Amino acid sequence: MFKKKIPWMILFIVLMVLSIWAVVSRSGSYSPALLKETIRNSNPFWLIVAVLGMFCNILFEGLAMNVLVKTLTKDNPGEKIRSHGTIYSAADIYFSAITPSASGGQPASAFFMSRDGIPMAQSAVILVTNMFLYTVALVVLGLIGFLIAPSVFFGMAPLAKVFILLGFIFLVGLSVIFVLVLKKEQWVKHLAVTAISLGAKLRVIRHKQAKLDKVDRAIAQYKACAGIINEEKGAMFVAFLFNFLQRVALLSTTVLVYLAFGGSFKNLGDVISVQALVLVGVYSLPIPGGMGVADYLLIEGLSKIPDVASPANLELISRGISFYCCLTLSIVIVIAGYFYQNHLMKKKAN
């Protein structure tokens, strides 16, 4: 699994370097001297809490995964499955960040679930259910961010507005598709089959039958998710709550770094709104980790807040903690989790 991800890791590093270079060299608000002075005079309490928020980003998704695994596998025959949600979460966060449209996160999580004895069919349903819950959580958080300070969105540049709207449309579209599968399964299947057939005739899509089979499998997984949601509403609410808290933890880093750098509490609503809209906007383009888009949107939003002396400096530190430090911690957890699972598998075999 890991060898297949190497090209994406290389692309990720290239994009990371280019993104940081763009912020440092192309942003008029970047100042090394001011950054050094700001860090030296920053409030260490808020910086420590910001780092804790980064830890919670991984932790909360892991807790959501544990709830879903426990709920779905409770009737499995044989030995009770031990869920390692933090490992699944770290794998999802890391591989989602280095692959386009977060396409590598779910297969990586499924890999570690299979090593814990979770059948692939069940892991697929767990991951699709979690995807739906965190998508809805992100839509809710984006709406809250907009409602807190609508002026932040309307004050952004046209390109930034386009990114945010595209991201919102994509996320709402995913949610709508899920709901339609629950209520109007044949509608979704008919649209998918029509699109694939048209693409095959235009020679845009190859392997038509394989694509049709994939649609059938996807709809079957979504239907299985629907059954879980209908039967286990309490557990689903808890899993949704953890997903929402994960998004809040991700959002909190920028807010806490802003406070650490001497930001005013009266502008907290604007900062929250900026980061919430950024979290939505990164889904506008299939770029690993939303790099470039996230940097642009965050600087654009922070530049509208009066007491932010250097939006680029604040962006570099907050993004460094919430994204780059989070990925570093995630890959450490993934590697440690891999060897820990090896130990458990050997112990069980003996």
Protein backbone atom coordinates (compact mmCIF):
# COMPACT_ATOMS: atom_id res chain seq x y z
CA MET A 1 0.00 0.00 0.00
CA PHE A 2 2.70 2.48 1.01
CA LYS A 3 4.77 2.03 -2.19
CA LYS A 4 1.79 3.08 -4.31
CA LYS A 5 1.61 6.36 -2.37
CA ILE A 6 5.24 7.38 -2.99
CA PRO A 7 4.49 9.41 -6.19
CA TRP A 8 1.77 11.29 -4.30
CA MET A 9 4.15 11.93 -1.41
CA ILE A 10 6.65 13.44 -3.85
CA LEU A 11 3.92 15.60 -5.40
CA PHE A 12 2.84 16.65 -1.92
CA ILE A 13 6.36 17.79 -1.03
CA VAL A 14 6.65 19.76 -4.28
CA LEU A 15 3.28 21.45 -3.68
CA MET A 16 4.22 22.15 -0.06
CA VAL A 17 7.45 23.88 -1.08
CA LEU A 18 5.68 25.87 -3.80
CA SER A 19 2.87 26.90 -1.43
CA ILE A 20 5.25 28.12 1.26
CA TRP A 21 7.39 29.87 -1.38
CA ALA A 22 4.31 31.60 -2.77
CA VAL A 23 3.29 32.86 0.68
CA VAL A 24 6.80 33.99 1.59
CA SER A 25 7.85 35.57 -1.70
CA ARG A 26 4.59 36.73 -3.25
CA SER A 27 2.65 38.00 -0.26
CA GLY A 28 3.11 41.69 0.44
CA SER A 29 2.28 41.15 4.12
CA TYR A 30 5.11 38.68 4.81
CA SER A 31 7.86 40.04 7.02
CA PRO A 32 10.55 37.81 8.56
CA ALA A 33 11.44 40.48 11.12
CA LEU A 34 7.83 40.98 12.13
CA LEU A 35 7.27 37.20 12.30
CA LYS A 36 10.27 36.78 14.59
CA GLU A 37 9.13 39.63 16.82
CA THR A 38 5.53 38.39 16.90
CA ILE A 39 6.56 34.87 17.90
CA ARG A 40 8.88 36.22 20.59
CA ASN A 41 6.09 38.36 22.06
CA SER A 42 3.30 35.81 21.59
CA ASN A 43 1.24 34.35 24.43
CA PRO A 44 2.56 30.80 25.02
CA PHE A 45 -0.72 29.69 26.63
CA TRP A 46 -2.72 30.19 23.43
CA LEU A 47 0.00 28.55 21.34
CA ILE A 48 -0.03 25.47 23.59
CA VAL A 49 -3.84 25.28 23.35
CA ALA A 50 -3.52 25.60 19.55
CA VAL A 51 -1.21 22.58 19.50
CA LEU A 52 -3.66 20.68 21.70
CA GLY A 53 -6.36 21.56 19.18
CA MET A 54 -4.23 19.92 16.50
CA PHE A 55 -4.05 16.73 18.62
CA CYS A 56 -7.84 16.84 19.04
CA ASN A 57 -8.24 16.95 15.26
CA ILE A 58 -6.86 13.40 15.10
CA LEU A 59 -8.45 12.25 18.35
CA PHE A 60 -12.05 13.22 17.57
CA GLU A 61 -12.12 11.47 14.21
CA GLY A 62 -10.65 8.41 15.92
CA LEU A 63 -13.45 8.49 18.48
CA ALA A 64 -16.03 8.74 15.69
CA MET A 65 -14.44 5.72 13.98
CA ASN A 66 -14.54 3.75 17.24
CA VAL A 67 -18.26 4.46 17.64
CA LEU A 68 -19.00 3.31 14.09
CA VAL A 69 -16.85 0.18 14.37
CA LYS A 70 -18.45 -0.79 17.68
CA THR A 71 -21.94 -0.20 16.27
CA LEU A 72 -21.46 -2.12 13.04
CA THR A 73 -19.48 -5.09 14.36
CA LYS A 74 -21.38 -5.70 17.59
CA ASP A 75 -23.25 -8.66 16.07
CA ASN A 76 -20.18 -10.21 14.43
CA PRO A 77 -19.63 -13.83 15.48
CA GLY A 78 -16.45 -14.80 17.27
CA GLU A 79 -14.01 -12.66 19.26
CA LYS A 80 -14.91 -9.01 19.85
CA ILE A 81 -13.05 -6.71 17.47
CA ARG A 82 -10.60 -4.24 19.00
CA SER A 83 -10.95 -0.90 17.24
CA HIS A 84 -7.94 1.41 16.94
CA GLY A 85 -9.73 4.55 15.83
CA THR A 86 -6.73 6.83 16.30
CA ILE A 87 -4.72 4.76 13.81
CA TYR A 88 -7.59 4.79 11.30
CA SER A 89 -7.97 8.54 11.78
CA ALA A 90 -4.26 9.27 11.37
CA ALA A 91 -4.14 7.16 8.20
CA ASP A 92 -7.20 8.95 6.83
CA ILE A 93 -5.83 12.43 7.61
CA TYR A 94 -2.33 11.75 6.27
CA PHE A 95 -3.21 9.96 3.03
CA SER A 96 -6.16 12.26 2.34
CA ALA A 97 -3.78 15.21 2.53
CA ILE A 98 -1.27 13.85 0.01
CA THR A 99 -3.74 12.60 -2.62
CA PRO A 100 -6.14 14.53 -4.88
CA SER A 101 -9.70 14.93 -3.57
CA ALA A 102 -8.69 12.99 -0.43
CA SER A 103 -8.85 9.80 -2.50
CA GLY A 104 -6.21 7.94 -0.51
CA GLY A 105 -7.58 8.36 2.99
CA GLN A 106 -10.33 5.75 2.99
CA PRO A 107 -8.28 2.91 1.41
CA ALA A 108 -5.54 3.55 3.99
CA SER A 109 -8.03 3.41 6.86
CA ALA A 110 -9.57 0.25 5.39
CA PHE A 111 -6.11 -1.34 5.28
CA PHE A 112 -5.63 -0.86 9.02
CA MET A 113 -9.20 -1.96 9.76
CA SER A 114 -8.62 -5.22 7.90
CA ARG A 115 -5.56 -5.85 10.08
CA ASP A 116 -7.85 -5.58 13.12
CA GLY A 117 -10.11 -8.24 11.64
CA ILE A 118 -12.86 -5.96 10.35
CA PRO A 119 -14.31 -7.46 7.13
CA MET A 120 -13.80 -5.30 4.04
CA ALA A 121 -17.55 -5.02 3.41
CA GLN A 122 -18.07 -3.64 6.90
CA SER A 123 -15.07 -1.30 6.75
CA ALA A 124 -16.42 0.12 3.47
CA VAL A 125 -19.77 0.87 5.10
CA ILE A 126 -18.08 2.37 8.17
CA LEU A 127 -15.94 4.68 6.05
CA VAL A 128 -18.78 5.76 3.77
CA THR A 129 -20.95 6.49 6.83
CA ASN A 130 -18.14 8.50 8.39
CA MET A 131 -17.62 10.38 5.11
CA PHE A 132 -21.29 11.35 5.08
CA LEU A 133 -21.19 12.47 8.73
CA TYR A 134 -18.10 14.63 8.37
CA THR A 135 -19.41 16.10 5.12
CA VAL A 136 -22.61 17.17 6.87
CA ALA A 137 -20.54 18.45 9.82
CA LEU A 138 -18.47 20.57 7.46
CA VAL A 139 -21.55 21.98 5.71
CA VAL A 140 -23.04 22.88 9.12
CA LEU A 141 -19.79 24.50 10.27
CA GLY A 142 -19.50 26.44 7.00
CA LEU A 143 -23.04 27.76 7.39
CA ILE A 144 -22.37 28.74 11.00
CA GLY A 145 -19.19 30.53 9.92
CA PHE A 146 -21.07 32.44 7.23
CA LEU A 147 -23.93 33.39 9.57
CA ILE A 148 -21.53 34.61 12.29
CA ALA A 149 -20.03 37.22 9.95
CA PRO A 150 -21.54 37.38 6.43
CA SER A 151 -19.47 40.50 5.75
CA VAL A 152 -16.31 38.38 5.73
CA PHE A 153 -17.49 36.39 2.69
CA PHE A 154 -18.87 39.40 0.84
CA GLY A 155 -15.67 41.34 1.49
CA MET A 156 -13.44 38.72 -0.15
CA ALA A 157 -12.06 38.90 -3.68
CA PRO A 158 -14.21 37.39 -6.47
CA LEU A 159 -11.84 34.43 -6.94
CA ALA A 160 -12.01 33.59 -3.23
CA LYS A 161 -15.81 33.69 -3.36
CA VAL A 162 -15.77 31.31 -6.35
CA PHE A 163 -13.56 28.82 -4.48
CA ILE A 164 -15.81 28.91 -1.42
CA LEU A 165 -19.01 28.53 -3.45
CA LEU A 166 -17.56 25.64 -5.47
CA GLY A 167 -16.47 23.90 -2.26
CA PHE A 168 -19.90 24.39 -0.72
CA ILE A 169 -21.65 23.08 -3.86
CA PHE A 170 -19.40 20.01 -3.85
CA LEU A 171 -20.07 19.24 -0.17
CA VAL A 172 -23.82 19.83 -0.43
CA GLY A 173 -23.85 17.70 -3.60
CA LEU A 174 -22.29 14.77 -1.73
CA SER A 175 -24.88 15.08 1.02
CA VAL A 176 -27.74 15.30 -1.48
CA ILE A 177 -26.52 12.22 -3.36
CA PHE A 178 -26.45 10.27 -0.11
CA VAL A 179 -29.99 11.33 0.78
CA LEU A 180 -31.22 10.56 -2.73
CA VAL A 181 -29.78 7.06 -2.51
CA LEU A 182 -31.81 6.62 0.67
CA LYS A 183 -35.02 7.92 -0.85
CA LYS A 184 -34.68 7.65 -4.64
CA GLU A 185 -32.15 4.91 -5.31
CA GLN A 186 -33.33 4.28 -8.88
CA TRP A 187 -33.01 7.98 -9.77
CA VAL A 188 -29.36 8.04 -8.78
CA LYS A 189 -28.62 4.76 -10.53
CA HIS A 190 -30.36 5.89 -13.72
CA LEU A 191 -28.40 9.17 -13.79
CA ALA A 192 -25.11 7.38 -13.17
CA VAL A 193 -25.77 4.74 -15.84
CA THR A 194 -26.81 7.45 -18.34
CA ALA A 195 -23.67 9.48 -17.66
CA ILE A 196 -21.39 6.43 -17.99
CA SER A 197 -23.10 5.26 -21.18
CA LEU A 198 -22.79 8.74 -22.72
CA GLY A 199 -19.15 8.91 -21.71
CA ALA A 200 -18.49 5.51 -23.25
CA LYS A 201 -20.12 6.56 -26.55
CA LEU A 202 -17.99 9.71 -26.63
CA ARG A 203 -14.93 7.59 -25.82
CA VAL A 204 -14.30 9.67 -22.71
CA ILE A 205 -14.91 6.69 -20.40
CA ARG A 206 -13.29 3.29 -20.89
CA HIS A 207 -14.23 -0.03 -19.29
CA LYS A 208 -17.93 0.77 -19.20
CA GLN A 209 -19.01 -2.42 -17.43
CA ALA A 210 -16.39 -1.98 -14.70
CA LYS A 211 -17.73 1.53 -14.05
CA LEU A 212 -21.32 0.24 -13.94
CA ASP A 213 -20.31 -2.46 -11.46
CA LYS A 214 -18.64 0.20 -9.33
CA VAL A 215 -21.87 2.22 -9.28
CA ASP A 216 -23.79 -0.87 -8.10
CA ARG A 217 -21.27 -1.48 -5.31
CA ALA A 218 -21.35 2.16 -4.22
CA ILE A 219 -25.15 2.25 -4.08
CA ALA A 220 -25.16 -1.00 -2.10
CA GLN A 221 -22.73 0.53 0.42
CA TYR A 222 -24.84 3.66 0.74
CA LYS A 223 -27.97 1.56 1.30
CA ALA A 224 -26.16 -0.35 4.03
CA CYS A 225 -25.23 2.99 5.62
CA ALA A 226 -28.89 4.01 5.49
CA GLY A 227 -29.82 0.92 7.46
CA ILE A 228 -27.30 1.72 10.15
CA ILE A 229 -28.40 5.35 10.42
CA ASN A 230 -32.06 4.37 10.69
CA GLU A 231 -31.45 1.65 13.28
CA GLU A 232 -28.72 3.31 15.35
CA LYS A 233 -29.75 6.96 15.56
CA GLY A 234 -28.15 7.47 18.98
CA ALA A 235 -24.78 6.11 17.90
CA MET A 236 -24.95 8.09 14.66
CA PHE A 237 -25.56 11.31 16.56
CA VAL A 238 -22.52 10.63 18.76
CA ALA A 239 -20.38 9.90 15.67
CA PHE A 240 -21.66 13.09 14.02
CA LEU A 241 -20.86 15.07 17.17
CA PHE A 242 -17.27 13.78 17.18
CA ASN A 243 -16.93 14.67 13.48
CA PHE A 244 -18.26 18.15 14.18
CA LEU A 245 -15.84 18.56 17.11
CA GLN A 246 -13.02 17.45 14.81
CA ARG A 247 -13.85 20.30 12.41
CA VAL A 248 -14.08 22.72 15.33
CA ALA A 249 -10.64 21.56 16.52
CA LEU A 250 -9.25 22.15 13.04
CA LEU A 251 -10.81 25.61 12.95
CA SER A 252 -9.62 26.49 16.46
CA THR A 253 -5.92 26.55 15.56
CA THR A 254 -6.14 29.74 13.51
CA VAL A 255 -8.32 31.40 16.16
CA LEU A 256 -5.93 30.45 18.97
CA VAL A 257 -2.81 31.54 17.06
CA TYR A 258 -4.57 34.84 16.35
CA LEU A 259 -5.11 35.29 20.10
CA ALA A 260 -1.51 34.24 20.82
CA PHE A 261 -0.33 36.99 18.48
CA GLY A 262 -2.27 39.62 20.43
CA GLY A 263 -5.56 39.47 18.56
CA SER A 264 -8.66 41.12 20.01
CA PHE A 265 -11.59 39.08 21.32
CA LYS A 266 -13.99 41.46 19.58
CA ASN A 267 -12.78 40.16 16.19
CA LEU A 268 -13.05 36.47 17.08
CA GLY A 269 -16.29 36.09 15.13
CA ASP A 270 -14.58 37.32 11.96
CA VAL A 271 -11.60 34.98 12.44
CA ILE A 272 -13.92 32.01 13.05
CA SER A 273 -15.87 32.91 9.93
CA VAL A 274 -12.69 33.13 7.83
CA GLN A 275 -11.40 29.72 8.89
CA ALA A 276 -14.82 28.06 8.51
CA LEU A 277 -15.09 29.37 4.95
CA VAL A 278 -11.53 28.23 4.21
CA LEU A 279 -12.40 24.68 5.34
CA VAL A 280 -15.24 24.69 2.80
CA GLY A 281 -13.23 26.35 0.03
CA VAL A 282 -10.42 23.78 0.00
CA TYR A 283 -12.87 21.29 -1.53
CA SER A 284 -13.21 23.44 -4.66
CA LEU A 285 -10.21 21.87 -6.43
CA PRO A 286 -8.80 18.29 -6.31
CA ILE A 287 -5.41 19.40 -4.96
CA PRO A 288 -3.61 17.35 -2.27
CA GLY A 289 -4.29 18.97 1.09
CA GLY A 290 -5.94 21.93 -0.60
CA MET A 291 -2.46 23.46 -0.76
CA GLY A 292 -2.36 26.80 -2.49
CA VAL A 293 -6.13 27.22 -2.26
CA ALA A 294 -6.13 27.06 1.56
CA ASP A 295 -3.16 29.44 1.78
CA TYR A 296 -4.75 31.93 -0.61
CA LEU A 297 -8.16 31.85 1.07
CA LEU A 298 -6.74 32.18 4.58
CA ILE A 299 -4.53 35.15 3.70
CA GLU A 300 -7.37 36.77 1.75
CA GLY A 301 -9.76 36.39 4.70
CA LEU A 302 -7.31 37.44 7.41
CA SER A 303 -6.37 40.56 5.43
CA LYS A 304 -9.89 41.88 6.10
CA ILE A 305 -9.41 41.79 9.89
CA PRO A 306 -8.13 45.18 11.16
CA ASP A 307 -5.72 44.08 13.90
CA VAL A 308 -3.91 41.38 11.90
CA ALA A 309 -0.57 43.07 11.19
CA SER A 310 0.64 40.37 8.80
CA PRO A 311 -1.93 37.91 7.40
CA ALA A 312 0.87 35.90 5.75
CA ASN A 313 2.75 35.46 9.04
CA LEU A 314 -0.41 34.41 10.87
CA GLU A 315 -1.26 32.03 8.03
CA LEU A 316 2.19 30.42 8.06
CA ILE A 317 2.10 29.66 11.79
CA SER A 318 -1.53 28.54 12.02
CA ARG A 319 -1.29 26.43 8.85
CA GLY A 320 2.04 25.06 10.06
CA ILE A 321 0.42 23.78 13.26
CA SER A 322 -2.97 22.65 11.93
CA PHE A 323 -1.71 21.07 8.70
CA TYR A 324 2.00 20.32 8.54
CA CYS A 325 2.48 19.43 12.22
CA CYS A 326 -0.74 17.41 12.11
CA LEU A 327 0.54 15.43 9.10
CA THR A 328 3.87 14.81 10.82
CA LEU A 329 2.12 13.50 13.92
CA SER A 330 -0.26 11.45 11.76
CA ILE A 331 2.49 9.61 9.88
CA VAL A 332 4.23 8.89 13.21
CA ILE A 333 0.98 7.38 14.52
CA VAL A 334 0.51 5.42 11.27
CA ILE A 335 4.01 3.91 11.46
CA ALA A 336 3.76 3.17 15.20
CA GLY A 337 0.27 1.74 14.68
CA TYR A 338 1.49 -0.53 11.89
CA PHE A 339 4.11 -2.13 14.14
CA TYR A 340 1.71 -2.22 17.10
CA GLN A 341 -0.82 -4.13 15.00
CA ASN A 342 1.98 -6.47 13.86
CA HIS A 343 2.69 -7.20 17.53
CA LEU A 344 -0.99 -7.90 18.25
CA MET A 345 -1.32 -10.15 15.17
CA LYS A 346 1.74 -12.18 16.14
CA LYS A 347 0.51 -12.44 19.72
CA LYS A 348 -2.89 -13.65 18.52
CA ALA A 349 -1.31 -16.19 16.16
CA ASN A 350 0.67 -17.69 19.02
